[in-house]
Amino acid sequence: MNAIGYNYEYGNTLVPRDIETAVYWYCRAIERGNPRAMNNLGLLFAAGEGAARDLSEAHSLWRQAAEAGHSNSMVNLGLSLLENGQKSRIAWLRRAAELGSGAAQAQLARMGIHGVWPHPFDDATRMTLEPDEPPAGHSRYCRPLVS
């Protein structure tokens, strides 16, 4: 479902770009606990695409995905909190760096924070198996779309 949403978000030779349909599919995936969908929908809310810009909702989605171990969400949450001067930003960036996020490692280095991090990987290209029954995610925007 996340992949379907992603295809509609960007469009391709098989489906046209359609943000509303992308949001619908991300919401379906979030209902089933997919952290990638939480991250992707969070990015849309942060940018104000597919719905009004809602940084609070983006943070909620990124936090849910980050707590499920999704390193890109940790980075997105950390960077967003960094822009808003919140203290918890560094903790999320450290967690992502410890998982091998090159983006988090680079950001921490720019902040003068160094550590012994694992070799960085590109999380966007890394596919991981989802747990059989991950806890459901939630977004106040998704309820009316998928109920």
N, C-alpha and C. Protein backbone atom coordinates (compact mmCIF):
# COMPACT_ATOMS: atom_id res chain seq x y z
N MET A 1 0.81 -1.19 0.00
CA MET A 1 0.00 0.00 0.00
C MET A 1 0.86 1.26 0.00
N ASN A 2 1.96 1.22 0.76
CA ASN A 2 2.88 2.35 0.75
C ASN A 2 3.45 2.54 -0.65
N ALA A 3 3.83 1.45 -1.29
CA ALA A 3 4.40 1.54 -2.64
C ALA A 3 3.39 2.10 -3.63
N ILE A 4 2.13 1.73 -3.49
CA ILE A 4 1.09 2.28 -4.37
C ILE A 4 1.00 3.79 -4.14
N GLY A 5 0.98 4.19 -2.87
CA GLY A 5 0.94 5.62 -2.55
C GLY A 5 2.12 6.36 -3.13
N TYR A 6 3.29 5.77 -3.00
CA TYR A 6 4.51 6.39 -3.52
C TYR A 6 4.42 6.56 -5.04
N ASN A 7 3.92 5.54 -5.72
CA ASN A 7 3.76 5.64 -7.17
C ASN A 7 2.81 6.77 -7.55
N TYR A 8 1.72 6.91 -6.82
CA TYR A 8 0.80 8.01 -7.12
C TYR A 8 1.38 9.37 -6.72
N GLU A 9 2.18 9.40 -5.68
CA GLU A 9 2.77 10.69 -5.28
C GLU A 9 3.68 11.24 -6.38
N TYR A 10 4.45 10.38 -6.98
CA TYR A 10 5.42 10.84 -7.99
C TYR A 10 4.97 10.58 -9.42
N GLY A 11 4.00 9.69 -9.61
CA GLY A 11 3.57 9.34 -10.96
C GLY A 11 4.64 8.53 -11.68
N ASN A 12 4.21 7.77 -12.65
CA ASN A 12 5.14 6.99 -13.46
C ASN A 12 4.43 6.62 -14.76
N THR A 13 4.99 5.70 -15.50
CA THR A 13 4.38 5.34 -16.79
C THR A 13 3.07 4.58 -16.62
N LEU A 14 2.82 4.04 -15.44
CA LEU A 14 1.59 3.27 -15.21
C LEU A 14 0.47 4.08 -14.57
N VAL A 15 0.83 5.02 -13.70
CA VAL A 15 -0.18 5.82 -13.01
C VAL A 15 0.19 7.30 -13.07
N PRO A 16 -0.81 8.17 -13.19
CA PRO A 16 -0.52 9.60 -13.20
C PRO A 16 -0.22 10.09 -11.78
N ARG A 17 0.44 11.22 -11.67
CA ARG A 17 0.66 11.82 -10.36
C ARG A 17 -0.69 12.26 -9.81
N ASP A 18 -1.00 11.82 -8.59
CA ASP A 18 -2.28 12.13 -7.97
C ASP A 18 -2.07 12.10 -6.45
N ILE A 19 -1.85 13.27 -5.88
CA ILE A 19 -1.53 13.36 -4.46
C ILE A 19 -2.68 12.86 -3.59
N GLU A 20 -3.92 13.16 -3.94
CA GLU A 20 -5.05 12.69 -3.13
C GLU A 20 -5.07 11.17 -3.05
N THR A 21 -4.83 10.52 -4.17
CA THR A 21 -4.80 9.05 -4.17
C THR A 21 -3.59 8.55 -3.39
N ALA A 22 -2.47 9.24 -3.50
CA ALA A 22 -1.28 8.86 -2.72
C ALA A 22 -1.58 8.92 -1.23
N VAL A 23 -2.23 10.01 -0.80
CA VAL A 23 -2.58 10.16 0.62
C VAL A 23 -3.49 9.03 1.07
N TYR A 24 -4.47 8.69 0.24
CA TYR A 24 -5.38 7.58 0.56
C TYR A 24 -4.59 6.29 0.81
N TRP A 25 -3.67 5.96 -0.09
CA TRP A 25 -2.93 4.70 0.05
C TRP A 25 -1.95 4.76 1.22
N TYR A 26 -1.33 5.91 1.45
CA TYR A 26 -0.48 6.05 2.63
C TYR A 26 -1.31 5.81 3.89
N CYS A 27 -2.52 6.38 3.92
CA CYS A 27 -3.39 6.20 5.09
C CYS A 27 -3.74 4.73 5.29
N ARG A 28 -4.02 4.01 4.23
CA ARG A 28 -4.33 2.58 4.34
C ARG A 28 -3.12 1.84 4.92
N ALA A 29 -1.92 2.19 4.46
CA ALA A 29 -0.71 1.54 4.97
C ALA A 29 -0.45 1.91 6.43
N ILE A 30 -0.72 3.16 6.78
CA ILE A 30 -0.53 3.60 8.17
C ILE A 30 -1.45 2.85 9.11
N GLU A 31 -2.68 2.62 8.68
CA GLU A 31 -3.63 1.82 9.47
C GLU A 31 -3.04 0.47 9.84
N ARG A 32 -2.19 -0.04 8.99
CA ARG A 32 -1.58 -1.35 9.20
C ARG A 32 -0.19 -1.26 9.81
N GLY A 33 0.20 -0.05 10.22
CA GLY A 33 1.45 0.12 10.95
C GLY A 33 2.69 0.28 10.10
N ASN A 34 2.57 0.66 8.84
CA ASN A 34 3.74 0.78 7.96
C ASN A 34 4.51 2.07 8.25
N PRO A 35 5.74 1.98 8.79
CA PRO A 35 6.50 3.18 9.13
C PRO A 35 6.95 3.99 7.91
N ARG A 36 7.18 3.34 6.77
CA ARG A 36 7.55 4.09 5.57
C ARG A 36 6.40 5.00 5.14
N ALA A 37 5.17 4.50 5.22
CA ALA A 37 4.01 5.31 4.88
C ALA A 37 3.86 6.47 5.85
N MET A 38 4.12 6.23 7.12
CA MET A 38 4.07 7.32 8.11
C MET A 38 5.08 8.40 7.75
N ASN A 39 6.28 7.98 7.37
CA ASN A 39 7.31 8.93 6.98
C ASN A 39 6.88 9.70 5.73
N ASN A 40 6.38 8.99 4.73
CA ASN A 40 6.01 9.63 3.47
C ASN A 40 4.86 10.62 3.65
N LEU A 41 3.85 10.23 4.42
CA LEU A 41 2.73 11.15 4.66
C LEU A 41 3.20 12.33 5.51
N GLY A 42 4.09 12.08 6.44
CA GLY A 42 4.67 13.18 7.23
C GLY A 42 5.36 14.20 6.35
N LEU A 43 6.08 13.72 5.34
CA LEU A 43 6.74 14.64 4.40
C LEU A 43 5.72 15.49 3.65
N LEU A 44 4.59 14.88 3.25
CA LEU A 44 3.55 15.64 2.55
C LEU A 44 2.96 16.72 3.46
N PHE A 45 2.70 16.37 4.73
CA PHE A 45 2.15 17.37 5.65
C PHE A 45 3.16 18.48 5.95
N ALA A 46 4.43 18.12 6.05
CA ALA A 46 5.45 19.13 6.31
C ALA A 46 5.55 20.11 5.13
N ALA A 47 5.34 19.61 3.92
CA ALA A 47 5.42 20.45 2.72
C ALA A 47 4.09 21.11 2.38
N GLY A 48 3.01 20.65 3.01
CA GLY A 48 1.69 21.18 2.67
C GLY A 48 1.17 20.65 1.35
N GLU A 49 1.53 19.42 1.02
CA GLU A 49 1.05 18.80 -0.22
C GLU A 49 0.00 17.74 0.12
N GLY A 50 -1.13 17.79 -0.55
CA GLY A 50 -2.17 16.82 -0.32
C GLY A 50 -3.08 17.17 0.84
N ALA A 51 -2.68 18.14 1.61
CA ALA A 51 -3.46 18.66 2.74
C ALA A 51 -2.78 19.96 3.16
N ALA A 52 -3.45 20.69 4.01
CA ALA A 52 -2.84 21.91 4.52
C ALA A 52 -1.55 21.57 5.26
N ARG A 53 -0.58 22.47 5.22
CA ARG A 53 0.68 22.25 5.94
C ARG A 53 0.35 22.08 7.42
N ASP A 54 0.84 20.99 7.99
CA ASP A 54 0.55 20.69 9.39
C ASP A 54 1.79 20.03 9.99
N LEU A 55 2.66 20.85 10.54
CA LEU A 55 3.90 20.33 11.09
C LEU A 55 3.65 19.46 12.32
N SER A 56 2.62 19.76 13.07
CA SER A 56 2.29 18.94 14.23
C SER A 56 1.93 17.51 13.81
N GLU A 57 1.15 17.40 12.74
CA GLU A 57 0.77 16.07 12.23
C GLU A 57 2.00 15.36 11.64
N ALA A 58 2.85 16.11 10.94
CA ALA A 58 4.09 15.52 10.41
C ALA A 58 4.93 14.97 11.56
N HIS A 59 5.07 15.76 12.64
CA HIS A 59 5.84 15.29 13.80
C HIS A 59 5.23 14.03 14.40
N SER A 60 3.91 14.00 14.50
CA SER A 60 3.24 12.83 15.06
C SER A 60 3.53 11.58 14.22
N LEU A 61 3.41 11.71 12.92
CA LEU A 61 3.68 10.57 12.03
C LEU A 61 5.15 10.15 12.09
N TRP A 62 6.05 11.12 12.04
CA TRP A 62 7.48 10.79 12.11
C TRP A 62 7.82 10.14 13.45
N ARG A 63 7.21 10.63 14.53
CA ARG A 63 7.50 10.06 15.85
C ARG A 63 7.03 8.60 15.91
N GLN A 64 5.84 8.32 15.38
CA GLN A 64 5.34 6.93 15.37
C GLN A 64 6.30 6.03 14.59
N ALA A 65 6.73 6.50 13.42
CA ALA A 65 7.63 5.70 12.60
C ALA A 65 9.01 5.57 13.25
N ALA A 66 9.48 6.65 13.85
CA ALA A 66 10.79 6.63 14.52
C ALA A 66 10.76 5.65 15.68
N GLU A 67 9.67 5.65 16.43
CA GLU A 67 9.56 4.71 17.56
C GLU A 67 9.50 3.27 17.07
N ALA A 68 9.10 3.07 15.81
CA ALA A 68 9.11 1.72 15.22
C ALA A 68 10.47 1.38 14.62
N GLY A 69 11.45 2.31 14.73
CA GLY A 69 12.80 2.04 14.26
C GLY A 69 13.12 2.54 12.87
N HIS A 70 12.27 3.35 12.26
CA HIS A 70 12.50 3.85 10.91
C HIS A 70 13.47 5.04 10.95
N SER A 71 14.70 4.83 10.47
CA SER A 71 15.74 5.85 10.64
C SER A 71 15.48 7.13 9.84
N ASN A 72 14.89 7.04 8.65
CA ASN A 72 14.59 8.27 7.91
C ASN A 72 13.62 9.16 8.68
N SER A 73 12.67 8.54 9.36
CA SER A 73 11.73 9.31 10.17
C SER A 73 12.44 9.96 11.35
N MET A 74 13.41 9.25 11.92
CA MET A 74 14.20 9.84 13.00
C MET A 74 14.92 11.09 12.51
N VAL A 75 15.50 10.99 11.32
CA VAL A 75 16.21 12.14 10.74
C VAL A 75 15.23 13.27 10.45
N ASN A 76 14.12 12.96 9.80
CA ASN A 76 13.14 14.01 9.48
C ASN A 76 12.62 14.68 10.74
N LEU A 77 12.32 13.90 11.77
CA LEU A 77 11.85 14.47 13.02
C LEU A 77 12.94 15.32 13.67
N GLY A 78 14.14 14.78 13.72
CA GLY A 78 15.26 15.51 14.33
C GLY A 78 15.55 16.83 13.62
N LEU A 79 15.58 16.80 12.29
CA LEU A 79 15.85 18.03 11.54
C LEU A 79 14.73 19.05 11.69
N SER A 80 13.50 18.57 11.71
CA SER A 80 12.37 19.48 11.87
C SER A 80 12.40 20.11 13.26
N LEU A 81 12.68 19.31 14.28
CA LEU A 81 12.78 19.86 15.63
C LEU A 81 13.96 20.81 15.75
N LEU A 82 15.03 20.52 15.04
CA LEU A 82 16.20 21.39 15.03
C LEU A 82 15.83 22.78 14.52
N GLU A 83 15.03 22.83 13.45
CA GLU A 83 14.57 24.11 12.90
C GLU A 83 13.74 24.88 13.91
N ASN A 84 13.05 24.15 14.79
CA ASN A 84 12.19 24.79 15.79
C ASN A 84 12.87 24.93 17.15
N GLY A 85 14.16 24.58 17.22
CA GLY A 85 14.93 24.77 18.45
C GLY A 85 14.56 23.86 19.60
N GLN A 86 13.97 22.72 19.34
CA GLN A 86 13.56 21.82 20.42
C GLN A 86 14.70 20.89 20.81
N LYS A 87 14.79 20.61 22.10
CA LYS A 87 15.92 19.85 22.64
C LYS A 87 15.96 18.40 22.21
N SER A 88 14.82 17.76 21.97
CA SER A 88 14.81 16.33 21.66
C SER A 88 15.39 16.03 20.28
N ARG A 89 15.71 17.06 19.52
CA ARG A 89 16.22 16.87 18.16
C ARG A 89 17.49 16.03 18.13
N ILE A 90 18.40 16.28 19.05
CA ILE A 90 19.69 15.59 19.03
C ILE A 90 19.52 14.11 19.34
N ALA A 91 18.61 13.79 20.24
CA ALA A 91 18.40 12.38 20.59
C ALA A 91 17.94 11.59 19.37
N TRP A 92 17.01 12.16 18.58
CA TRP A 92 16.54 11.44 17.38
C TRP A 92 17.66 11.32 16.35
N LEU A 93 18.45 12.36 16.18
CA LEU A 93 19.55 12.29 15.22
C LEU A 93 20.59 11.27 15.67
N ARG A 94 20.87 11.22 16.95
CA ARG A 94 21.83 10.21 17.47
C ARG A 94 21.32 8.79 17.22
N ARG A 95 20.04 8.57 17.50
CA ARG A 95 19.48 7.22 17.27
C ARG A 95 19.61 6.83 15.81
N ALA A 96 19.31 7.76 14.91
CA ALA A 96 19.42 7.48 13.48
C ALA A 96 20.87 7.24 13.10
N ALA A 97 21.78 8.03 13.64
CA ALA A 97 23.21 7.86 13.35
C ALA A 97 23.70 6.50 13.82
N GLU A 98 23.23 6.07 14.98
CA GLU A 98 23.61 4.76 15.52
C GLU A 98 23.09 3.62 14.66
N LEU A 99 22.01 3.88 13.91
CA LEU A 99 21.48 2.86 12.99
C LEU A 99 22.18 2.89 11.63
N GLY A 100 23.06 3.88 11.43
CA GLY A 100 23.81 3.96 10.18
C GLY A 100 23.30 4.99 9.21
N SER A 101 22.47 5.93 9.66
CA SER A 101 21.97 6.97 8.76
C SER A 101 23.07 7.99 8.47
N GLY A 102 23.50 8.03 7.22
CA GLY A 102 24.53 8.99 6.81
C GLY A 102 24.06 10.42 6.97
N ALA A 103 22.77 10.68 6.71
CA ALA A 103 22.24 12.04 6.85
C ALA A 103 22.33 12.49 8.31
N ALA A 104 21.99 11.62 9.24
CA ALA A 104 22.07 11.96 10.66
C ALA A 104 23.53 12.15 11.08
N GLN A 105 24.40 11.26 10.62
CA GLN A 105 25.82 11.38 10.96
C GLN A 105 26.40 12.70 10.47
N ALA A 106 26.05 13.09 9.24
CA ALA A 106 26.55 14.34 8.67
C ALA A 106 26.00 15.55 9.44
N GLN A 107 24.72 15.52 9.77
CA GLN A 107 24.12 16.64 10.51
C GLN A 107 24.76 16.79 11.88
N LEU A 108 24.96 15.69 12.58
CA LEU A 108 25.60 15.76 13.89
C LEU A 108 27.03 16.29 13.77
N ALA A 109 27.74 15.87 12.74
CA ALA A 109 29.11 16.38 12.54
C ALA A 109 29.09 17.89 12.31
N ARG A 110 28.11 18.39 11.53
CA ARG A 110 27.99 19.84 11.31
C ARG A 110 27.71 20.58 12.62
N MET A 111 27.07 19.88 13.55
CA MET A 111 26.75 20.48 14.85
C MET A 111 27.92 20.31 15.84
N GLY A 112 29.00 19.67 15.39
CA GLY A 112 30.16 19.46 16.25
C GLY A 112 30.02 18.25 17.16
N ILE A 113 29.08 17.38 16.86
CA ILE A 113 28.87 16.18 17.65
C ILE A 113 29.42 14.99 16.88
N HIS A 114 30.43 14.36 17.45
CA HIS A 114 31.09 13.24 16.77
C HIS A 114 30.92 11.98 17.60
N GLY A 115 30.92 10.90 16.94
CA GLY A 115 30.78 9.62 17.62
C GLY A 115 31.36 8.53 16.74
N VAL A 116 31.34 7.34 17.27
CA VAL A 116 31.77 6.17 16.51
C VAL A 116 30.49 5.57 15.95
N TRP A 117 30.22 5.88 14.70
CA TRP A 117 28.98 5.45 14.06
C TRP A 117 29.26 4.27 13.13
N PRO A 118 28.27 3.44 12.89
CA PRO A 118 28.46 2.38 11.89
C PRO A 118 28.59 2.99 10.50
N HIS A 119 29.08 2.19 9.59
CA HIS A 119 29.20 2.64 8.21
C HIS A 119 27.82 3.09 7.72
N PRO A 120 27.72 4.27 7.10
CA PRO A 120 26.40 4.75 6.66
C PRO A 120 25.82 3.93 5.52
N PHE A 121 24.51 3.90 5.47
CA PHE A 121 23.77 3.24 4.40
C PHE A 121 22.74 4.22 3.88
N ASP A 122 22.16 3.90 2.75
CA ASP A 122 21.09 4.71 2.18
C ASP A 122 19.76 4.04 2.50
N ASP A 123 19.05 4.57 3.50
CA ASP A 123 17.80 3.95 3.94
C ASP A 123 16.73 3.98 2.85
N ALA A 124 16.82 4.94 1.95
CA ALA A 124 15.81 5.03 0.89
C ALA A 124 15.87 3.81 -0.03
N THR A 125 17.04 3.20 -0.14
CA THR A 125 17.16 2.03 -1.02
C THR A 125 17.13 0.72 -0.25
N ARG A 126 17.12 0.79 1.05
CA ARG A 126 17.13 -0.41 1.88
C ARG A 126 15.72 -0.90 2.13
N MET A 127 15.45 -2.11 1.79
CA MET A 127 14.14 -2.69 2.06
C MET A 127 14.27 -3.60 3.28
N THR A 128 13.37 -3.44 4.20
CA THR A 128 13.37 -4.30 5.38
C THR A 128 12.03 -5.01 5.46
N LEU A 129 12.06 -6.17 6.07
CA LEU A 129 10.81 -6.89 6.29
C LEU A 129 10.03 -6.21 7.40
N GLU A 130 8.76 -6.06 7.17
CA GLU A 130 7.88 -5.49 8.19
C GLU A 130 7.49 -6.61 9.14
N PRO A 131 7.27 -6.29 10.43
CA PRO A 131 6.76 -7.33 11.33
C PRO A 131 5.41 -7.82 10.81
N ASP A 132 5.07 -9.06 11.15
CA ASP A 132 3.81 -9.62 10.68
C ASP A 132 2.61 -8.78 11.08
N GLU A 133 2.59 -8.32 12.31
CA GLU A 133 1.46 -7.53 12.78
C GLU A 133 1.97 -6.32 13.54
N PRO A 134 2.49 -5.30 12.83
CA PRO A 134 2.96 -4.11 13.54
C PRO A 134 1.77 -3.36 14.13
N PRO A 135 2.01 -2.57 15.17
CA PRO A 135 0.90 -1.80 15.73
C PRO A 135 0.40 -0.78 14.71
N ALA A 136 -0.90 -0.58 14.71
CA ALA A 136 -1.49 0.38 13.77
C ALA A 136 -1.00 1.78 14.07
N GLY A 137 -0.79 2.55 13.01
CA GLY A 137 -0.46 3.95 13.16
C GLY A 137 -1.74 4.76 13.11
N HIS A 138 -1.62 6.05 13.33
CA HIS A 138 -2.81 6.88 13.27
C HIS A 138 -2.47 8.30 12.80
N SER A 139 -3.42 8.87 12.13
CA SER A 139 -3.36 10.26 11.69
C SER A 139 -4.78 10.79 11.71
N ARG A 140 -4.96 11.96 12.27
CA ARG A 140 -6.33 12.49 12.33
C ARG A 140 -6.89 12.77 10.94
N TYR A 141 -6.02 12.91 9.94
CA TYR A 141 -6.48 13.14 8.57
C TYR A 141 -6.92 11.85 7.90
N CYS A 142 -6.41 10.74 8.36
CA CYS A 142 -6.70 9.46 7.69
C CYS A 142 -8.05 8.87 8.07
N ARG A 143 -8.50 9.10 9.28
CA ARG A 143 -9.74 8.47 9.74
C ARG A 143 -10.88 8.62 8.75
N PRO A 144 -11.19 9.85 8.28
CA PRO A 144 -12.32 9.97 7.35
C PRO A 144 -12.07 9.31 5.99
N LEU A 145 -10.81 9.19 5.59
CA LEU A 145 -10.49 8.62 4.28
C LEU A 145 -10.66 7.13 4.23
N VAL A 146 -10.35 6.44 5.30
CA VAL A 146 -10.31 4.98 5.26
C VAL A 146 -11.36 4.30 6.12
N SER A 147 -12.22 5.07 6.76
CA SER A 147 -13.24 4.42 7.59
C SER A 147 -14.50 4.15 6.82
